[in-house]
């Protein structure tokens, strides 16, 4: 939504669904990149895919393995978080994108339109050696476990970080919808100060 009233309507629906039980929100910046899913078995990265149409995507494990910020083995994995699915966004920093385009122009190669298109095109390449040369980054925002019940999104993000995944530094737990709106308005005015592009804010019920 682009409308504050609709944010508050959402909060009213949450209140009614939870029957006025206590709840919090987690606010995150939405990377303007390519959504991917990473599957780990016994702490080892075994499969990666694009989101595709939400049901079926493209299997791109070899290409994802070249991205340095994606751990091939979970760091200090503990019981309950060895067989997991991690979702996140592959993106490119604006400065890295600009430098890459300059190099392509000097080499007489076609330049890319924007960082998101560049990341998307790179992940589709057949040659993972070329993918490894591109300045791709990964940011994790979702954790699902086959073996352990997870209780809150904020805790999940902390767990992801402890396992070796990069997580946004700009996550905020909000106690009410007013704090959600404050977060949204703040980043509406500061998005150009970030090193990467965002296409909004994601608001999640923490539980």
Protein backbone atom coordinates (compact mmCIF):
# COMPACT_ATOMS: atom_id res chain seq x y z
CA UNK A 1 0.00 0.00 0.00
CA UNK A 2 0.98 3.64 -0.39
CA UNK A 3 -1.72 4.72 2.03
CA UNK A 4 -1.39 5.17 5.81
CA UNK A 5 -5.11 4.46 6.35
CA UNK A 6 -4.66 1.01 4.78
CA UNK A 7 -1.74 0.28 7.12
CA UNK A 8 -4.00 1.11 10.05
CA UNK A 9 -6.80 -1.03 8.56
CA UNK A 10 -4.31 -3.91 8.45
CA UNK A 11 -3.57 -3.33 12.14
CA UNK A 12 -7.30 -3.48 12.93
CA UNK A 13 -7.57 -6.84 11.12
CA UNK A 14 -4.58 -8.17 13.08
CA UNK A 15 -6.22 -7.08 16.34
CA UNK A 16 -9.46 -8.86 15.48
CA UNK A 17 -7.68 -12.05 14.34
CA UNK A 18 -5.65 -12.20 17.55
CA UNK A 19 -8.69 -11.33 19.67
CA UNK A 20 -6.81 -8.37 21.18
CA UNK A 21 -3.92 -10.53 22.45
CA UNK A 22 -0.58 -8.72 22.76
CA UNK A 23 1.44 -8.61 19.54
CA UNK A 24 4.36 -6.82 17.91
CA UNK A 25 5.43 -6.10 14.35
CA UNK A 26 8.79 -6.50 12.64
CA UNK A 27 9.61 -3.92 9.96
CA UNK A 28 12.24 -4.54 7.30
CA UNK A 29 13.45 -2.81 4.16
CA UNK A 30 12.54 -4.73 1.00
CA UNK A 31 15.64 -5.28 -1.12
CA UNK A 32 14.96 -4.61 -4.80
CA UNK A 33 16.45 -7.86 -6.02
CA UNK A 34 15.62 -11.46 -6.89
CA UNK A 35 13.89 -13.65 -4.30
CA UNK A 36 15.54 -17.05 -3.81
CA UNK A 37 15.08 -20.12 -1.63
CA UNK A 38 18.04 -22.00 -0.09
CA UNK A 39 17.66 -25.53 1.30
CA UNK A 40 20.11 -26.94 3.87
CA UNK A 41 20.33 -30.59 4.90
CA UNK A 42 22.40 -31.47 7.98
CA UNK A 43 23.85 -27.98 7.82
CA UNK A 44 25.00 -28.21 4.17
CA UNK A 45 23.62 -26.07 1.32
CA UNK A 46 22.09 -28.60 -1.11
CA UNK A 47 19.63 -26.72 -3.32
CA UNK A 48 18.78 -23.18 -4.37
CA UNK A 49 16.01 -21.85 -6.59
CA UNK A 50 14.34 -18.65 -7.71
CA UNK A 51 10.83 -17.95 -6.46
CA UNK A 52 9.42 -18.11 -10.00
CA UNK A 53 5.64 -17.87 -9.93
CA UNK A 54 5.50 -18.61 -6.20
CA UNK A 55 4.95 -22.34 -6.76
CA UNK A 56 7.74 -23.31 -9.12
CA UNK A 57 11.02 -21.53 -9.86
CA UNK A 58 14.34 -22.24 -11.57
CA UNK A 59 16.93 -24.43 -9.87
CA UNK A 60 20.16 -22.34 -9.77
CA UNK A 61 22.21 -24.05 -7.05
CA UNK A 62 25.55 -23.81 -8.87
CA UNK A 63 25.17 -20.10 -9.46
CA UNK A 64 24.09 -19.38 -5.89
CA UNK A 65 27.10 -21.28 -4.54
CA UNK A 66 29.36 -18.64 -6.12
CA UNK A 67 27.85 -15.81 -4.03
CA UNK A 68 30.27 -15.30 -1.15
CA UNK A 69 27.64 -14.09 1.32
CA UNK A 70 25.70 -17.38 1.05
CA UNK A 71 27.21 -19.93 3.48
CA UNK A 72 27.84 -23.38 1.98
CA UNK A 73 27.86 -24.82 5.52
CA UNK A 74 25.90 -23.41 8.46
CA UNK A 75 28.07 -21.84 11.14
CA UNK A 76 27.66 -23.41 14.56
CA UNK A 77 24.39 -25.12 13.57
CA UNK A 78 22.50 -26.60 16.49
CA UNK A 79 19.76 -29.18 16.84
CA UNK A 80 16.58 -28.00 15.14
CA UNK A 81 18.27 -25.69 12.66
CA UNK A 82 20.25 -28.11 10.50
CA UNK A 83 17.46 -29.00 8.04
CA UNK A 84 16.11 -25.61 7.06
CA UNK A 85 14.86 -23.44 4.24
CA UNK A 86 16.16 -19.89 4.09
CA UNK A 87 14.59 -17.26 1.87
CA UNK A 88 16.18 -14.01 0.90
CA UNK A 89 17.07 -11.62 -1.86
CA UNK A 90 20.00 -11.57 -4.28
CA UNK A 91 20.87 -7.97 -5.12
CA UNK A 92 23.66 -5.68 -6.28
CA UNK A 93 24.92 -2.54 -4.57
CA UNK A 94 24.56 0.60 -6.69
CA UNK A 95 28.29 1.41 -6.60
CA UNK A 96 29.26 -2.14 -7.62
CA UNK A 97 26.70 -1.96 -10.44
CA UNK A 98 28.09 1.37 -11.67
CA UNK A 99 31.68 0.07 -11.64
CA UNK A 100 30.67 -3.13 -13.47
CA UNK A 101 28.85 -1.14 -16.17
CA UNK A 102 31.89 1.11 -16.62
CA UNK A 103 34.10 -1.94 -17.14
CA UNK A 104 31.62 -3.41 -19.64
CA UNK A 105 31.48 -0.14 -21.55
CA UNK A 106 35.28 0.04 -21.76
CA UNK A 107 35.30 -3.54 -23.06
CA UNK A 108 32.69 -2.67 -25.69
CA UNK A 109 30.07 -4.87 -24.06
CA UNK A 110 26.38 -4.10 -23.56
CA UNK A 111 25.62 -2.35 -20.25
CA UNK A 112 22.79 -3.25 -17.88
CA UNK A 113 19.75 -1.02 -17.22
CA UNK A 114 19.66 -1.26 -13.41
CA UNK A 115 21.01 -3.38 -10.52
CA UNK A 116 17.90 -5.58 -10.29
CA UNK A 117 17.92 -6.52 -13.99
CA UNK A 118 21.64 -7.17 -13.75
CA UNK A 119 21.19 -9.54 -10.78
CA UNK A 120 18.29 -11.33 -12.51
CA UNK A 121 20.22 -11.80 -15.75
CA UNK A 122 23.31 -12.99 -13.91
CA UNK A 123 21.43 -15.71 -12.01
CA UNK A 124 20.11 -17.11 -15.32
CA UNK A 125 23.57 -17.57 -16.83
CA UNK A 126 24.69 -21.11 -17.67
CA UNK A 127 28.35 -20.44 -16.82
CA UNK A 128 28.77 -20.20 -13.04
CA UNK A 129 32.34 -18.88 -13.53
CA UNK A 130 30.88 -15.67 -14.99
CA UNK A 131 28.38 -15.50 -12.13
CA UNK A 132 31.28 -15.70 -9.65
CA UNK A 133 32.82 -12.59 -11.25
CA UNK A 134 29.69 -10.47 -10.76
CA UNK A 135 29.29 -8.45 -7.51
CA UNK A 136 26.18 -10.20 -6.17
CA UNK A 137 25.07 -9.99 -2.53
CA UNK A 138 22.52 -11.91 -0.49
CA UNK A 139 20.25 -10.77 2.35
CA UNK A 140 18.26 -13.34 4.35
CA UNK A 141 14.76 -12.56 5.65
CA UNK A 142 12.98 -15.87 6.33
CA UNK A 143 13.77 -19.10 8.20
CA UNK A 144 11.78 -22.33 8.20
CA UNK A 145 12.84 -25.46 10.07
CA UNK A 146 11.72 -29.05 9.54
CA UNK A 147 12.80 -30.09 13.03
CA UNK A 148 12.12 -27.20 15.40
CA UNK A 149 9.16 -24.99 16.24
CA UNK A 150 10.10 -21.36 15.67
CA UNK A 151 8.34 -18.73 17.79
CA UNK A 152 9.06 -15.26 16.48
CA UNK A 153 10.32 -13.61 13.34
CA UNK A 154 12.73 -11.36 15.27
CA UNK A 155 14.31 -14.46 16.88
CA UNK A 156 14.49 -16.14 13.47
CA UNK A 157 16.49 -13.21 12.07
CA UNK A 158 18.90 -13.44 15.02
CA UNK A 159 19.24 -17.19 14.41
CA UNK A 160 19.96 -16.60 10.71
CA UNK A 161 22.72 -14.18 11.66
CA UNK A 162 24.24 -16.68 14.10
CA UNK A 163 24.24 -19.32 11.34
CA UNK A 164 26.32 -17.06 9.08
CA UNK A 165 23.71 -15.32 6.94
CA UNK A 166 23.77 -11.58 6.28
CA UNK A 167 20.61 -9.93 7.64
CA UNK A 168 19.55 -6.31 7.15
CA UNK A 169 20.93 -3.88 9.75
CA UNK A 170 17.72 -1.86 9.52
CA UNK A 171 15.24 -4.33 11.04
CA UNK A 172 13.06 -2.84 13.79
CA UNK A 173 10.65 -4.46 16.22
CA UNK A 174 7.62 -2.19 16.63
CA UNK A 175 5.26 -2.30 19.60
CA UNK A 176 2.33 -0.74 17.74
CA UNK A 177 1.13 0.55 14.37
CA UNK A 178 2.28 4.11 15.15
CA UNK A 179 5.88 2.90 15.31
CA UNK A 180 5.33 1.03 12.02
CA UNK A 181 4.21 4.25 10.34
CA UNK A 182 7.20 6.14 11.82
CA UNK A 183 9.59 3.51 10.41
CA UNK A 184 7.93 3.70 6.99
CA UNK A 185 8.03 7.52 6.87
CA UNK A 186 11.67 7.56 8.02
CA UNK A 187 12.87 5.29 5.22
CA UNK A 188 10.67 6.98 2.65
CA UNK A 189 12.96 9.99 3.12
CA UNK A 190 16.26 8.11 3.55
CA UNK A 191 16.13 5.39 0.87
CA UNK A 192 18.65 7.24 -1.35
CA UNK A 193 21.22 7.09 1.46
CA UNK A 194 21.32 3.28 1.27
CA UNK A 195 24.01 1.53 -0.83
CA UNK A 196 21.34 -0.60 -2.55
CA UNK A 197 17.88 -0.05 -4.02
CA UNK A 198 14.73 -0.87 -2.05
CA UNK A 199 11.16 -1.03 -3.26
CA UNK A 200 9.43 -0.43 0.04
CA UNK A 201 9.03 -1.72 3.56
CA UNK A 202 7.76 -5.14 4.67
CA UNK A 203 5.67 -5.32 7.85
CA UNK A 204 5.22 -8.70 9.56
CA UNK A 205 3.45 -9.82 12.72
CA UNK A 206 6.33 -11.03 14.90
CA UNK A 207 4.60 -14.14 16.29
